[in-house]
Amino acid sequence: MRNETYTYFKIQNGSDFLKIEILNQNFPNADLDWDKDSIRCKVSAKFGGFSGEFHADLMTFSFDNFKKELIQLNENLGQSATFKGYEGQVKIFIQGDGIGHLDLFCDLKDNVGIGNELKGELNIDQTYLPELIEQLDTITSEYKVHMKMNG
């Protein structure tokens, strides 16, 4: 079943991109906060001649932590921001150079712990940050964070 809204975040430069689309909450009626925070996502990426797409279970607090770090990066362009999927399937690291250039490094695995891997880089600038923060805010508004965890 598809969400009525199309909830995702996307970072793009030219034809290269990284996109994480939220498909659904895995356990909406769960008793445990941990289970309530689990969301099913579709991850797609293209870096140069390489591309891939797979599904991953990610946690709402990972999106919330990433959003908070991006807000800090937007205020101080020499900082960094990291998105870490709980089981290591998705890792995103954005490093600022202090003057507005941002380098994104991404490590994607199609299966937890094993499987194929796609690593990529994107170069963007600070003008991408407000829209990305807004997309993450939409995700964390629609899919509430029940647990507070770092990373």
N, C-alpha and C. Protein backbone atom coordinates (compact mmCIF):
# COMPACT_ATOMS: atom_id res chain seq x y z
N MET A 1 0.84 -1.19 0.00
CA MET A 1 0.00 0.00 0.00
C MET A 1 0.88 1.24 0.00
N ARG A 2 0.54 2.20 -0.76
CA ARG A 2 1.33 3.41 -0.96
C ARG A 2 0.84 4.53 -0.04
N ASN A 3 1.77 5.32 0.48
CA ASN A 3 1.40 6.50 1.25
C ASN A 3 0.59 7.44 0.38
N GLU A 4 -0.30 8.21 1.02
CA GLU A 4 -1.03 9.22 0.27
C GLU A 4 -0.10 10.36 -0.11
N THR A 5 0.89 10.62 0.74
CA THR A 5 1.88 11.62 0.40
C THR A 5 3.13 10.91 -0.08
N TYR A 6 3.92 11.61 -0.82
CA TYR A 6 5.14 11.06 -1.37
C TYR A 6 6.28 11.61 -0.52
N THR A 7 6.75 10.81 0.44
CA THR A 7 7.71 11.26 1.42
C THR A 7 9.09 10.71 1.10
N TYR A 8 10.06 11.62 0.95
CA TYR A 8 11.41 11.20 0.57
C TYR A 8 12.39 12.33 0.86
N PHE A 9 13.68 11.97 0.78
CA PHE A 9 14.68 13.03 0.63
C PHE A 9 15.60 12.65 -0.51
N LYS A 10 16.05 13.68 -1.21
CA LYS A 10 16.87 13.46 -2.40
C LYS A 10 17.97 14.51 -2.46
N ILE A 11 19.16 14.05 -2.76
CA ILE A 11 20.31 14.92 -2.97
C ILE A 11 20.77 14.65 -4.40
N GLN A 12 20.89 15.70 -5.20
CA GLN A 12 21.19 15.51 -6.61
C GLN A 12 22.14 16.58 -7.12
N ASN A 13 23.01 16.17 -8.03
CA ASN A 13 23.86 17.08 -8.77
C ASN A 13 23.92 16.55 -10.20
N GLY A 14 23.30 17.27 -11.12
CA GLY A 14 23.22 16.77 -12.50
C GLY A 14 22.39 15.50 -12.54
N SER A 15 22.91 14.48 -13.18
CA SER A 15 22.18 13.21 -13.25
C SER A 15 22.54 12.27 -12.10
N ASP A 16 23.49 12.65 -11.28
CA ASP A 16 23.86 11.83 -10.12
C ASP A 16 22.97 12.20 -8.94
N PHE A 17 22.55 11.18 -8.18
CA PHE A 17 21.65 11.44 -7.06
C PHE A 17 21.68 10.32 -6.03
N LEU A 18 21.15 10.64 -4.87
CA LEU A 18 20.85 9.68 -3.82
C LEU A 18 19.45 10.02 -3.34
N LYS A 19 18.58 9.02 -3.29
CA LYS A 19 17.20 9.25 -2.88
C LYS A 19 16.76 8.15 -1.93
N ILE A 20 16.12 8.55 -0.84
CA ILE A 20 15.52 7.60 0.09
C ILE A 20 14.04 7.95 0.20
N GLU A 21 13.22 7.03 -0.26
CA GLU A 21 11.77 7.20 -0.24
C GLU A 21 11.19 6.35 0.89
N ILE A 22 10.32 6.95 1.69
CA ILE A 22 9.67 6.22 2.78
C ILE A 22 8.45 5.50 2.22
N LEU A 23 8.41 4.19 2.41
CA LEU A 23 7.29 3.41 1.90
C LEU A 23 6.20 3.24 2.95
N ASN A 24 6.58 2.87 4.16
CA ASN A 24 5.60 2.69 5.22
C ASN A 24 6.29 2.46 6.56
N GLN A 25 5.50 2.61 7.61
CA GLN A 25 5.97 2.28 8.95
C GLN A 25 5.82 0.77 9.10
N ASN A 26 6.89 0.10 9.53
CA ASN A 26 6.85 -1.37 9.60
C ASN A 26 5.86 -1.90 10.63
N PHE A 27 5.82 -1.29 11.81
CA PHE A 27 4.99 -1.81 12.90
C PHE A 27 4.20 -0.67 13.55
N PRO A 28 3.20 -0.13 12.86
CA PRO A 28 2.50 1.05 13.38
C PRO A 28 1.77 0.81 14.70
N ASN A 29 1.37 -0.41 14.99
CA ASN A 29 0.63 -0.71 16.22
C ASN A 29 1.48 -1.38 17.28
N ALA A 30 2.79 -1.27 17.14
CA ALA A 30 3.71 -1.93 18.08
C ALA A 30 3.62 -1.29 19.47
N ASP A 31 3.98 -2.08 20.47
CA ASP A 31 4.05 -1.57 21.84
C ASP A 31 5.39 -0.93 22.13
N LEU A 32 6.45 -1.44 21.52
CA LEU A 32 7.80 -0.94 21.78
C LEU A 32 8.14 0.24 20.88
N ASP A 33 8.73 1.28 21.47
CA ASP A 33 9.14 2.45 20.70
C ASP A 33 10.11 2.08 19.58
N TRP A 34 11.01 1.15 19.86
CA TRP A 34 11.98 0.71 18.86
C TRP A 34 11.26 0.24 17.59
N ASP A 35 10.25 -0.58 17.77
CA ASP A 35 9.50 -1.10 16.63
C ASP A 35 8.71 0.00 15.92
N LYS A 36 8.15 0.94 16.68
CA LYS A 36 7.41 2.05 16.09
C LYS A 36 8.30 2.92 15.21
N ASP A 37 9.60 2.99 15.52
CA ASP A 37 10.54 3.83 14.78
C ASP A 37 11.04 3.18 13.49
N SER A 38 10.73 1.92 13.27
CA SER A 38 11.21 1.20 12.09
C SER A 38 10.34 1.53 10.88
N ILE A 39 10.99 2.02 9.81
CA ILE A 39 10.26 2.35 8.59
C ILE A 39 10.90 1.67 7.38
N ARG A 40 10.07 1.25 6.47
CA ARG A 40 10.51 0.59 5.23
C ARG A 40 10.79 1.67 4.19
N CYS A 41 11.96 1.59 3.57
CA CYS A 41 12.38 2.61 2.62
C CYS A 41 12.86 1.99 1.31
N LYS A 42 12.76 2.76 0.26
CA LYS A 42 13.37 2.40 -1.02
C LYS A 42 14.53 3.36 -1.23
N VAL A 43 15.72 2.80 -1.39
CA VAL A 43 16.93 3.59 -1.59
C VAL A 43 17.33 3.44 -3.05
N SER A 44 17.56 4.57 -3.70
CA SER A 44 18.03 4.53 -5.08
C SER A 44 19.15 5.56 -5.24
N ALA A 45 20.11 5.20 -6.08
CA ALA A 45 21.27 6.07 -6.25
C ALA A 45 21.87 5.88 -7.63
N LYS A 46 22.49 6.96 -8.11
CA LYS A 46 23.27 6.92 -9.34
C LYS A 46 24.49 7.80 -9.14
N PHE A 47 25.65 7.20 -9.30
CA PHE A 47 26.92 7.91 -9.21
C PHE A 47 27.71 7.56 -10.45
N GLY A 48 27.84 8.51 -11.38
CA GLY A 48 28.55 8.23 -12.63
C GLY A 48 27.85 7.13 -13.39
N GLY A 49 28.60 6.13 -13.81
CA GLY A 49 28.04 5.02 -14.57
C GLY A 49 27.43 3.92 -13.72
N PHE A 50 27.41 4.09 -12.40
CA PHE A 50 26.90 3.06 -11.50
C PHE A 50 25.60 3.51 -10.86
N SER A 51 24.67 2.58 -10.73
CA SER A 51 23.40 2.90 -10.09
C SER A 51 22.87 1.65 -9.40
N GLY A 52 21.94 1.88 -8.48
CA GLY A 52 21.34 0.77 -7.77
C GLY A 52 20.07 1.20 -7.07
N GLU A 53 19.29 0.19 -6.68
CA GLU A 53 18.04 0.42 -5.99
C GLU A 53 17.77 -0.80 -5.11
N PHE A 54 17.34 -0.58 -3.88
CA PHE A 54 17.04 -1.68 -2.97
C PHE A 54 16.14 -1.16 -1.86
N HIS A 55 15.59 -2.08 -1.08
CA HIS A 55 14.77 -1.73 0.08
C HIS A 55 15.59 -1.91 1.35
N ALA A 56 15.32 -1.05 2.32
CA ALA A 56 16.02 -1.11 3.61
C ALA A 56 15.06 -0.70 4.72
N ASP A 57 15.23 -1.31 5.87
CA ASP A 57 14.51 -0.88 7.06
C ASP A 57 15.40 0.10 7.79
N LEU A 58 14.93 1.33 7.93
CA LEU A 58 15.69 2.38 8.60
C LEU A 58 14.88 2.88 9.80
N MET A 59 15.51 3.69 10.62
CA MET A 59 14.88 4.15 11.86
C MET A 59 14.60 5.65 11.77
N THR A 60 13.46 6.06 12.31
CA THR A 60 13.09 7.47 12.27
C THR A 60 14.13 8.35 12.95
N PHE A 61 14.76 7.87 14.02
CA PHE A 61 15.74 8.70 14.71
C PHE A 61 16.98 8.96 13.86
N SER A 62 17.26 8.10 12.89
CA SER A 62 18.39 8.35 11.98
C SER A 62 18.11 9.58 11.12
N PHE A 63 16.87 9.72 10.66
CA PHE A 63 16.47 10.88 9.87
C PHE A 63 16.49 12.15 10.73
N ASP A 64 16.03 12.03 11.97
CA ASP A 64 15.98 13.16 12.88
C ASP A 64 17.39 13.63 13.23
N ASN A 65 18.29 12.72 13.54
CA ASN A 65 19.68 13.08 13.85
C ASN A 65 20.35 13.75 12.65
N PHE A 66 20.12 13.21 11.46
CA PHE A 66 20.69 13.77 10.24
C PHE A 66 20.18 15.20 10.01
N LYS A 67 18.88 15.38 10.22
CA LYS A 67 18.28 16.72 10.06
C LYS A 67 18.94 17.72 11.02
N LYS A 68 19.11 17.33 12.27
CA LYS A 68 19.73 18.22 13.27
C LYS A 68 21.16 18.56 12.89
N GLU A 69 21.92 17.58 12.40
CA GLU A 69 23.30 17.84 11.99
C GLU A 69 23.35 18.73 10.74
N LEU A 70 22.39 18.56 9.83
CA LEU A 70 22.35 19.42 8.63
C LEU A 70 22.00 20.86 9.00
N ILE A 71 21.15 21.05 9.99
CA ILE A 71 20.83 22.40 10.46
C ILE A 71 22.10 23.06 11.00
N GLN A 72 22.89 22.31 11.78
CA GLN A 72 24.16 22.84 12.30
C GLN A 72 25.14 23.12 11.17
N LEU A 73 25.19 22.23 10.18
CA LEU A 73 26.08 22.42 9.02
C LEU A 73 25.66 23.68 8.26
N ASN A 74 24.37 23.91 8.12
CA ASN A 74 23.88 25.09 7.42
C ASN A 74 24.28 26.37 8.14
N GLU A 75 24.42 26.30 9.47
CA GLU A 75 24.82 27.47 10.27
C GLU A 75 26.33 27.64 10.32
N ASN A 76 27.06 26.54 10.20
CA ASN A 76 28.52 26.57 10.22
C ASN A 76 29.02 25.64 9.11
N LEU A 77 29.36 26.19 7.97
CA LEU A 77 29.66 25.42 6.76
C LEU A 77 30.95 24.61 6.83
N GLY A 78 31.66 24.69 7.93
CA GLY A 78 32.87 23.89 8.09
C GLY A 78 32.62 22.58 8.83
N GLN A 79 31.38 22.34 9.22
CA GLN A 79 31.04 21.12 9.97
C GLN A 79 30.69 19.98 9.03
N SER A 80 30.20 18.89 9.61
CA SER A 80 29.79 17.73 8.82
C SER A 80 28.46 17.22 9.35
N ALA A 81 27.84 16.34 8.57
CA ALA A 81 26.58 15.69 8.96
C ALA A 81 26.65 14.25 8.50
N THR A 82 26.08 13.35 9.32
CA THR A 82 26.14 11.92 9.03
C THR A 82 24.77 11.28 9.19
N PHE A 83 24.41 10.47 8.21
CA PHE A 83 23.23 9.61 8.31
C PHE A 83 23.75 8.19 8.39
N LYS A 84 23.33 7.47 9.44
CA LYS A 84 23.72 6.08 9.58
C LYS A 84 22.48 5.23 9.78
N GLY A 85 22.24 4.34 8.84
CA GLY A 85 21.18 3.36 9.03
C GLY A 85 21.61 2.41 10.13
N TYR A 86 20.69 2.01 10.94
CA TYR A 86 21.01 1.21 12.13
C TYR A 86 21.83 -0.04 11.80
N GLU A 87 21.53 -0.73 10.75
CA GLU A 87 22.23 -1.98 10.43
C GLU A 87 23.29 -1.81 9.35
N GLY A 88 23.71 -0.59 9.10
CA GLY A 88 24.83 -0.35 8.20
C GLY A 88 24.53 -0.42 6.72
N GLN A 89 23.27 -0.50 6.34
CA GLN A 89 22.95 -0.56 4.92
C GLN A 89 23.13 0.78 4.23
N VAL A 90 22.92 1.85 4.96
CA VAL A 90 22.99 3.19 4.38
C VAL A 90 23.87 4.07 5.27
N LYS A 91 24.93 4.61 4.69
CA LYS A 91 25.78 5.56 5.39
C LYS A 91 26.00 6.75 4.46
N ILE A 92 25.73 7.94 4.99
CA ILE A 92 25.92 9.17 4.23
C ILE A 92 26.74 10.12 5.09
N PHE A 93 27.78 10.67 4.53
CA PHE A 93 28.61 11.63 5.25
C PHE A 93 28.76 12.87 4.38
N ILE A 94 28.40 14.02 4.92
CA ILE A 94 28.54 15.28 4.19
C ILE A 94 29.52 16.16 4.94
N GLN A 95 30.56 16.60 4.25
CA GLN A 95 31.59 17.45 4.85
C GLN A 95 31.59 18.80 4.17
N GLY A 96 31.50 19.86 4.97
CA GLY A 96 31.59 21.22 4.45
C GLY A 96 33.02 21.70 4.47
N ASP A 97 33.34 22.64 3.57
CA ASP A 97 34.70 23.18 3.52
C ASP A 97 34.81 24.55 4.17
N GLY A 98 33.72 25.03 4.74
CA GLY A 98 33.74 26.32 5.42
C GLY A 98 33.32 27.49 4.56
N ILE A 99 33.29 27.31 3.24
CA ILE A 99 32.92 28.42 2.36
C ILE A 99 31.73 28.08 1.45
N GLY A 100 31.05 26.98 1.74
CA GLY A 100 29.82 26.68 1.01
C GLY A 100 29.85 25.45 0.13
N HIS A 101 31.01 24.85 -0.09
CA HIS A 101 31.09 23.61 -0.88
C HIS A 101 30.89 22.42 0.05
N LEU A 102 30.11 21.45 -0.40
CA LEU A 102 29.82 20.26 0.40
C LEU A 102 30.17 19.01 -0.40
N ASP A 103 30.88 18.11 0.23
CA ASP A 103 31.20 16.82 -0.38
C ASP A 103 30.41 15.74 0.32
N LEU A 104 29.66 14.96 -0.45
CA LEU A 104 28.86 13.87 0.07
C LEU A 104 29.53 12.56 -0.29
N PHE A 105 29.70 11.71 0.70
CA PHE A 105 30.24 10.36 0.51
C PHE A 105 29.18 9.38 0.98
N CYS A 106 28.90 8.39 0.16
CA CYS A 106 27.80 7.47 0.43
C CYS A 106 28.27 6.02 0.30
N ASP A 107 27.81 5.19 1.21
CA ASP A 107 28.11 3.76 1.20
C ASP A 107 26.79 3.02 1.36
N LEU A 108 26.38 2.29 0.32
CA LEU A 108 25.10 1.59 0.32
C LEU A 108 25.33 0.09 0.17
N LYS A 109 24.56 -0.70 0.92
CA LYS A 109 24.62 -2.16 0.82
C LYS A 109 23.21 -2.68 0.57
N ASP A 110 23.07 -3.57 -0.40
CA ASP A 110 21.73 -4.04 -0.74
C ASP A 110 21.16 -5.04 0.25
N ASN A 111 21.98 -5.59 1.12
CA ASN A 111 21.52 -6.49 2.18
C ASN A 111 22.26 -6.17 3.48
N VAL A 112 21.62 -6.46 4.59
CA VAL A 112 22.22 -6.19 5.90
C VAL A 112 23.43 -7.09 6.10
N GLY A 113 24.57 -6.48 6.41
CA GLY A 113 25.77 -7.23 6.78
C GLY A 113 26.54 -7.85 5.64
N ILE A 114 25.88 -8.19 4.57
CA ILE A 114 26.53 -8.84 3.42
C ILE A 114 25.95 -8.23 2.15
N GLY A 115 26.42 -8.70 1.05
CA GLY A 115 25.79 -8.28 -0.20
C GLY A 115 26.64 -7.32 -1.00
N ASN A 116 26.03 -6.80 -2.01
CA ASN A 116 26.69 -5.89 -2.93
C ASN A 116 26.76 -4.50 -2.33
N GLU A 117 27.76 -3.75 -2.78
CA GLU A 117 28.00 -2.44 -2.21
C GLU A 117 28.16 -1.41 -3.33
N LEU A 118 27.59 -0.24 -3.10
CA LEU A 118 27.75 0.88 -4.02
C LEU A 118 28.24 2.07 -3.21
N LYS A 119 29.39 2.57 -3.60
CA LYS A 119 29.94 3.76 -2.96
C LYS A 119 29.93 4.88 -3.98
N GLY A 120 29.62 6.07 -3.51
CA GLY A 120 29.57 7.19 -4.43
C GLY A 120 29.86 8.50 -3.75
N GLU A 121 30.09 9.50 -4.58
CA GLU A 121 30.36 10.86 -4.11
C GLU A 121 29.54 11.84 -4.93
N LEU A 122 29.09 12.89 -4.25
CA LEU A 122 28.43 14.01 -4.90
C LEU A 122 29.05 15.29 -4.37
N ASN A 123 29.18 16.26 -5.21
CA ASN A 123 29.63 17.59 -4.79
C ASN A 123 28.47 18.54 -4.98
N ILE A 124 28.06 19.17 -3.88
CA ILE A 124 26.95 20.11 -3.91
C ILE A 124 27.39 21.38 -3.18
N ASP A 125 26.48 22.32 -3.02
CA ASP A 125 26.81 23.50 -2.24
C ASP A 125 25.70 23.76 -1.22
N GLN A 126 25.91 24.77 -0.41
CA GLN A 126 25.01 25.04 0.71
C GLN A 126 23.58 25.35 0.29
N THR A 127 23.37 25.75 -0.95
CA THR A 127 22.01 26.09 -1.39
C THR A 127 21.08 24.87 -1.38
N TYR A 128 21.62 23.65 -1.34
CA TYR A 128 20.82 22.43 -1.28
C TYR A 128 20.29 22.17 0.12
N LEU A 129 20.93 22.73 1.13
CA LEU A 129 20.63 22.37 2.52
C LEU A 129 19.20 22.72 2.96
N PRO A 130 18.68 23.92 2.70
CA PRO A 130 17.32 24.22 3.18
C PRO A 130 16.26 23.24 2.65
N GLU A 131 16.33 22.89 1.38
CA GLU A 131 15.34 21.94 0.83
C GLU A 131 15.52 20.56 1.44
N LEU A 132 16.75 20.13 1.63
CA LEU A 132 17.02 18.82 2.23
C LEU A 132 16.52 18.79 3.67
N ILE A 133 16.77 19.85 4.42
CA ILE A 133 16.28 19.94 5.80
C ILE A 133 14.75 19.89 5.82
N GLU A 134 14.12 20.59 4.88
CA GLU A 134 12.66 20.59 4.79
C GLU A 134 12.12 19.19 4.47
N GLN A 135 12.78 18.47 3.57
CA GLN A 135 12.36 17.10 3.24
C GLN A 135 12.49 16.19 4.46
N LEU A 136 13.56 16.34 5.21
CA LEU A 136 13.75 15.53 6.42
C LEU A 136 12.74 15.91 7.49
N ASP A 137 12.39 17.19 7.57
CA ASP A 137 11.38 17.63 8.52
C ASP A 137 10.03 17.01 8.18
N THR A 138 9.71 16.90 6.90
CA THR A 138 8.47 16.25 6.47
C THR A 138 8.46 14.78 6.90
N ILE A 139 9.59 14.10 6.72
CA ILE A 139 9.69 12.69 7.11
C ILE A 139 9.47 12.54 8.61
N THR A 140 10.16 13.35 9.41
CA THR A 140 10.06 13.20 10.86
C THR A 140 8.74 13.73 11.42
N SER A 141 8.01 14.53 10.64
CA SER A 141 6.67 14.95 11.04
C SER A 141 5.66 13.84 10.75
N GLU A 142 5.82 13.21 9.61
CA GLU A 142 4.89 12.15 9.22
C GLU A 142 5.17 10.84 9.96
N TYR A 143 6.44 10.56 10.21
CA TYR A 143 6.85 9.34 10.90
C TYR A 143 7.55 9.75 12.19
N LYS A 144 6.79 9.80 13.26
CA LYS A 144 7.25 10.32 14.54
C LYS A 144 8.45 9.54 15.08
N VAL A 145 9.32 10.26 15.75
CA VAL A 145 10.47 9.66 16.43
C VAL A 145 10.05 9.35 17.85
N HIS A 146 10.11 8.08 18.23
CA HIS A 146 9.71 7.66 19.58
C HIS A 146 10.92 7.50 20.49
N MET A 147 12.05 7.13 19.93
CA MET A 147 13.28 6.94 20.71
C MET A 147 14.27 8.01 20.32
N LYS A 148 15.03 8.47 21.27
CA LYS A 148 16.12 9.42 20.98
C LYS A 148 17.42 8.64 21.05
N MET A 149 18.08 8.55 19.90
CA MET A 149 19.37 7.85 19.84
C MET A 149 20.31 8.64 18.98
N ASN A 150 21.57 8.60 19.29
CA ASN A 150 22.60 9.22 18.45
C ASN A 150 23.03 8.22 17.41
N GLY A 151 23.16 8.70 16.16
CA GLY A 151 23.69 7.86 15.09
C GLY A 151 22.74 7.01 14.42
